[in-house]
């Protein structure tokens, strides 16, 4: 009886390793470009690369910052059962005078630039992007803590 149970568990384990893990795909993306703020370099912009599987939640794959000239390159990969959607979240302070506020913009990456890991290396070149011209940006403001004393 114990031998049968051990045999069943070993068969399930072997099936899991050989078949099920083989069905999962490693999908990756490489993104590069230059960010501009009113025609000048958009330096120190936070660039977050996310992956959203068709079934599941968003995963942060990479975080980088644009250099002093506004150039950046970001790459990441994820192992998923089905397809995945990659997108960039740009966090910047372009045209913002209040340092407690920032802008967040989302750029979707086309599926033609998503490749199976280690098979093809084609970078998604965004070119030069004007940060102030990106549609549907969110302005997010953080309110400073209150200076009033709390009553105990």
C-alpha atoms as a PDB file:
ATOM      1  CA  UNK A   1       0.000   0.000   0.000  1.00  0.00           C
ATOM      2  CA  UNK A   2       2.783   2.443   0.907  1.00  0.00           C
ATOM      3  CA  UNK A   3       4.670   1.491  -2.233  1.00  0.00           C
ATOM      4  CA  UNK A   4       1.609   2.357  -4.361  1.00  0.00           C
ATOM      5  CA  UNK A   5       1.257   5.767  -2.687  1.00  0.00           C
ATOM      6  CA  UNK A   6       4.941   6.535  -3.217  1.00  0.00           C
ATOM      7  CA  UNK A   7       4.658   5.414  -6.839  1.00  0.00           C
ATOM      8  CA  UNK A   8       1.606   7.646  -7.443  1.00  0.00           C
ATOM      9  CA  UNK A   9       3.320  10.699  -5.909  1.00  0.00           C
ATOM     10  CA  UNK A  10       6.470  10.094  -7.938  1.00  0.00           C
ATOM     11  CA  UNK A  11       4.408   9.826 -11.149  1.00  0.00           C
ATOM     12  CA  UNK A  12       2.577  13.073 -10.344  1.00  0.00           C
ATOM     13  CA  UNK A  13       5.875  14.807  -9.588  1.00  0.00           C
ATOM     14  CA  UNK A  14       7.444  13.552 -12.826  1.00  0.00           C
ATOM     15  CA  UNK A  15       4.369  14.610 -14.835  1.00  0.00           C
ATOM     16  CA  UNK A  16       4.583  18.071 -13.279  1.00  0.00           C
ATOM     17  CA  UNK A  17       8.240  18.512 -14.195  1.00  0.00           C
ATOM     18  CA  UNK A  18       8.101  17.119 -17.727  1.00  0.00           C
ATOM     19  CA  UNK A  19       4.729  18.195 -19.085  1.00  0.00           C
ATOM     20  CA  UNK A  20       3.273  21.084 -17.144  1.00  0.00           C
ATOM     21  CA  UNK A  21       6.442  23.150 -16.845  1.00  0.00           C
ATOM     22  CA  UNK A  22       7.040  22.620 -20.544  1.00  0.00           C
ATOM     23  CA  UNK A  23       3.733  24.324 -21.358  1.00  0.00           C
ATOM     24  CA  UNK A  24       4.729  27.491 -19.553  1.00  0.00           C
ATOM     25  CA  UNK A  25       6.415  30.145 -21.659  1.00  0.00           C
ATOM     26  CA  UNK A  26       9.132  32.575 -20.722  1.00  0.00           C
ATOM     27  CA  UNK A  27       8.205  35.822 -22.410  1.00  0.00           C
ATOM     28  CA  UNK A  28      10.468  38.851 -22.437  1.00  0.00           C
ATOM     29  CA  UNK A  29      10.712  42.397 -23.713  1.00  0.00           C
ATOM     30  CA  UNK A  30      13.426  45.037 -24.179  1.00  0.00           C
ATOM     31  CA  UNK A  31      12.408  48.713 -24.336  1.00  0.00           C
ATOM     32  CA  UNK A  32      14.617  51.720 -25.063  1.00  0.00           C
ATOM     33  CA  UNK A  33      14.104  55.358 -25.907  1.00  0.00           C
ATOM     34  CA  UNK A  34      14.631  58.988 -24.960  1.00  0.00           C
ATOM     35  CA  UNK A  35      12.347  61.124 -22.806  1.00  0.00           C
ATOM     36  CA  UNK A  36      11.968  64.860 -23.384  1.00  0.00           C
ATOM     37  CA  UNK A  37      10.392  67.607 -21.292  1.00  0.00           C
ATOM     38  CA  UNK A  38       9.476  70.605 -23.492  1.00  0.00           C
ATOM     39  CA  UNK A  39      12.216  69.743 -25.964  1.00  0.00           C
ATOM     40  CA  UNK A  40      15.005  69.354 -23.403  1.00  0.00           C
ATOM     41  CA  UNK A  41      16.233  66.163 -21.785  1.00  0.00           C
ATOM     42  CA  UNK A  42      13.849  64.432 -19.384  1.00  0.00           C
ATOM     43  CA  UNK A  43      16.430  63.278 -16.879  1.00  0.00           C
ATOM     44  CA  UNK A  44      15.804  61.216 -13.740  1.00  0.00           C
ATOM     45  CA  UNK A  45      12.394  59.958 -14.850  1.00  0.00           C
ATOM     46  CA  UNK A  46      11.374  56.777 -13.051  1.00  0.00           C
ATOM     47  CA  UNK A  47      10.578  53.981 -15.522  1.00  0.00           C
ATOM     48  CA  UNK A  48       8.744  50.909 -14.243  1.00  0.00           C
ATOM     49  CA  UNK A  49       8.284  47.861 -16.467  1.00  0.00           C
ATOM     50  CA  UNK A  50       5.220  45.801 -15.582  1.00  0.00           C
ATOM     51  CA  UNK A  51       3.876  42.521 -16.881  1.00  0.00           C
ATOM     52  CA  UNK A  52       0.202  41.602 -16.648  1.00  0.00           C
ATOM     53  CA  UNK A  53      -0.607  37.960 -17.428  1.00  0.00           C
ATOM     54  CA  UNK A  54      -4.004  37.260 -18.947  1.00  0.00           C
ATOM     55  CA  UNK A  55      -4.848  35.394 -15.757  1.00  0.00           C
ATOM     56  CA  UNK A  56      -3.328  37.016 -12.705  1.00  0.00           C
ATOM     57  CA  UNK A  57      -2.110  40.283 -11.297  1.00  0.00           C
ATOM     58  CA  UNK A  58       0.427  42.891 -12.352  1.00  0.00           C
ATOM     59  CA  UNK A  59       4.104  42.167 -11.662  1.00  0.00           C
ATOM     60  CA  UNK A  60       6.878  44.746 -11.433  1.00  0.00           C
ATOM     61  CA  UNK A  61       9.656  43.348 -13.629  1.00  0.00           C
ATOM     62  CA  UNK A  62      12.195  46.176 -13.733  1.00  0.00           C
ATOM     63  CA  UNK A  63      12.771  49.668 -12.369  1.00  0.00           C
ATOM     64  CA  UNK A  64      15.193  52.085 -13.935  1.00  0.00           C
ATOM     65  CA  UNK A  65      15.759  55.827 -14.350  1.00  0.00           C
ATOM     66  CA  UNK A  66      16.530  57.877 -17.419  1.00  0.00           C
ATOM     67  CA  UNK A  67      20.064  59.232 -17.564  1.00  0.00           C
ATOM     68  CA  UNK A  68      21.049  62.892 -17.681  1.00  0.00           C
ATOM     69  CA  UNK A  69      20.297  63.011 -21.439  1.00  0.00           C
ATOM     70  CA  UNK A  70      16.897  61.341 -21.042  1.00  0.00           C
ATOM     71  CA  UNK A  71      17.935  57.957 -22.484  1.00  0.00           C
ATOM     72  CA  UNK A  72      16.851  54.692 -20.895  1.00  0.00           C
ATOM     73  CA  UNK A  73      16.749  50.958 -21.518  1.00  0.00           C
ATOM     74  CA  UNK A  74      14.672  48.472 -19.583  1.00  0.00           C
ATOM     75  CA  UNK A  75      14.160  44.742 -19.968  1.00  0.00           C
ATOM     76  CA  UNK A  76      12.340  42.004 -18.154  1.00  0.00           C
ATOM     77  CA  UNK A  77      10.872  38.556 -18.512  1.00  0.00           C
ATOM     78  CA  UNK A  78       8.179  36.447 -16.908  1.00  0.00           C
ATOM     79  CA  UNK A  79       7.185  32.778 -17.075  1.00  0.00           C
ATOM     80  CA  UNK A  80       3.452  32.472 -17.690  1.00  0.00           C
ATOM     81  CA  UNK A  81       0.884  29.876 -18.723  1.00  0.00           C
ATOM     82  CA  UNK A  82      -0.825  32.023 -21.313  1.00  0.00           C
ATOM     83  CA  UNK A  83       0.043  35.359 -22.896  1.00  0.00           C
ATOM     84  CA  UNK A  84       1.230  38.459 -21.089  1.00  0.00           C
ATOM     85  CA  UNK A  85       0.843  42.190 -21.666  1.00  0.00           C
ATOM     86  CA  UNK A  86       3.845  44.410 -20.924  1.00  0.00           C
ATOM     87  CA  UNK A  87       3.577  48.123 -20.237  1.00  0.00           C
ATOM     88  CA  UNK A  88       5.739  50.993 -18.978  1.00  0.00           C
ATOM     89  CA  UNK A  89       4.742  53.330 -16.184  1.00  0.00           C
ATOM     90  CA  UNK A  90       6.586  56.656 -16.351  1.00  0.00           C
ATOM     91  CA  UNK A  91       6.702  58.798 -13.209  1.00  0.00           C
ATOM     92  CA  UNK A  92       7.933  62.329 -13.876  1.00  0.00           C
ATOM     93  CA  UNK A  93       7.820  65.937 -12.664  1.00  0.00           C
ATOM     94  CA  UNK A  94       7.808  67.610 -16.089  1.00  0.00           C
ATOM     95  CA  UNK A  95       5.947  70.971 -15.993  1.00  0.00           C
ATOM     96  CA  UNK A  96       5.232  70.513 -12.284  1.00  0.00           C
ATOM     97  CA  UNK A  97       6.128  73.355  -9.921  1.00  0.00           C
ATOM     98  CA  UNK A  98       4.683  71.722  -6.813  1.00  0.00           C
ATOM     99  CA  UNK A  99       7.203  69.106  -5.654  1.00  0.00           C
ATOM    100  CA  UNK A 100       4.469  67.248  -3.783  1.00  0.00           C
ATOM    101  CA  UNK A 101       2.811  66.375  -7.102  1.00  0.00           C
ATOM    102  CA  UNK A 102       3.953  64.131  -9.928  1.00  0.00           C
ATOM    103  CA  UNK A 103       2.618  62.757 -13.191  1.00  0.00           C
ATOM    104  CA  UNK A 104       2.149  59.086 -14.043  1.00  0.00           C
ATOM    105  CA  UNK A 105       1.805  57.934 -17.637  1.00  0.00           C
ATOM    106  CA  UNK A 106       1.296  54.429 -18.997  1.00  0.00           C
ATOM    107  CA  UNK A 107       2.665  53.265 -22.349  1.00  0.00           C
ATOM    108  CA  UNK A 108       1.573  49.861 -23.666  1.00  0.00           C
ATOM    109  CA  UNK A 109       4.107  47.703 -25.480  1.00  0.00           C
ATOM    110  CA  UNK A 110       2.820  46.035 -28.682  1.00  0.00           C
ATOM    111  CA  UNK A 111       2.668  42.242 -28.655  1.00  0.00           C
ATOM    112  CA  UNK A 112       4.926  42.079 -31.730  1.00  0.00           C
ATOM    113  CA  UNK A 113       7.852  43.110 -29.492  1.00  0.00           C
ATOM    114  CA  UNK A 114       7.179  40.421 -26.884  1.00  0.00           C
ATOM    115  CA  UNK A 115       9.355  37.408 -27.586  1.00  0.00           C
ATOM    116  CA  UNK A 116       9.989  33.995 -26.135  1.00  0.00           C
ATOM    117  CA  UNK A 117      12.960  34.199 -23.828  1.00  0.00           C
ATOM    118  CA  UNK A 118      16.339  33.574 -25.510  1.00  0.00           C
ATOM    119  CA  UNK A 119      14.802  33.055 -28.962  1.00  0.00           C
ATOM    120  CA  UNK A 120      14.774  36.581 -30.354  1.00  0.00           C
ATOM    121  CA  UNK A 121      16.205  39.863 -29.130  1.00  0.00           C
ATOM    122  CA  UNK A 122      14.363  42.736 -30.759  1.00  0.00           C
ATOM    123  CA  UNK A 123      14.258  45.964 -28.814  1.00  0.00           C
ATOM    124  CA  UNK A 124      11.103  48.075 -28.805  1.00  0.00           C
ATOM    125  CA  UNK A 125      12.520  51.480 -29.699  1.00  0.00           C
ATOM    126  CA  UNK A 126      10.199  54.195 -28.477  1.00  0.00           C
ATOM    127  CA  UNK A 127      12.254  56.960 -30.061  1.00  0.00           C
ATOM    128  CA  UNK A 128      11.993  60.417 -28.500  1.00  0.00           C
ATOM    129  CA  UNK A 129       8.875  60.896 -26.380  1.00  0.00           C
ATOM    130  CA  UNK A 130       7.654  64.277 -25.184  1.00  0.00           C
ATOM    131  CA  UNK A 131       6.444  63.744 -21.604  1.00  0.00           C
ATOM    132  CA  UNK A 132       4.054  66.683 -21.624  1.00  0.00           C
ATOM    133  CA  UNK A 133       2.310  65.341 -24.770  1.00  0.00           C
ATOM    134  CA  UNK A 134       1.468  61.846 -23.484  1.00  0.00           C
ATOM    135  CA  UNK A 135      -2.331  61.470 -23.326  1.00  0.00           C
ATOM    136  CA  UNK A 136      -4.266  60.271 -20.257  1.00  0.00           C
ATOM    137  CA  UNK A 137      -1.660  61.134 -17.636  1.00  0.00           C
ATOM    138  CA  UNK A 138      -2.610  61.154 -13.975  1.00  0.00           C
ATOM    139  CA  UNK A 139      -1.521  63.948 -11.677  1.00  0.00           C
ATOM    140  CA  UNK A 140      -0.944  62.554  -8.200  1.00  0.00           C
ATOM    141  CA  UNK A 141      -0.379  64.832  -5.223  1.00  0.00           C
ATOM    142  CA  UNK A 142       0.801  63.731  -1.805  1.00  0.00           C
ATOM    143  CA  UNK A 143      -0.475  65.879   1.016  1.00  0.00           C
ATOM    144  CA  UNK A 144       2.078  66.765   3.709  1.00  0.00           C
ATOM    145  CA  UNK A 145       1.355  65.599   7.243  1.00  0.00           C
ATOM    146  CA  UNK A 146      -0.647  67.956   9.399  1.00  0.00           C
ATOM    147  CA  UNK A 147       1.340  70.141  11.785  1.00  0.00           C
ATOM    148  CA  UNK A 148      -1.433  70.368  14.332  1.00  0.00           C
ATOM    149  CA  UNK A 149      -0.933  68.483  17.541  1.00  0.00           C
ATOM    150  CA  UNK A 150      -3.178  65.603  18.230  1.00  0.00           C
ATOM    151  CA  UNK A 151      -5.070  65.540  21.457  1.00  0.00           C
ATOM    152  CA  UNK A 152      -4.148  62.648  23.663  1.00  0.00           C
END
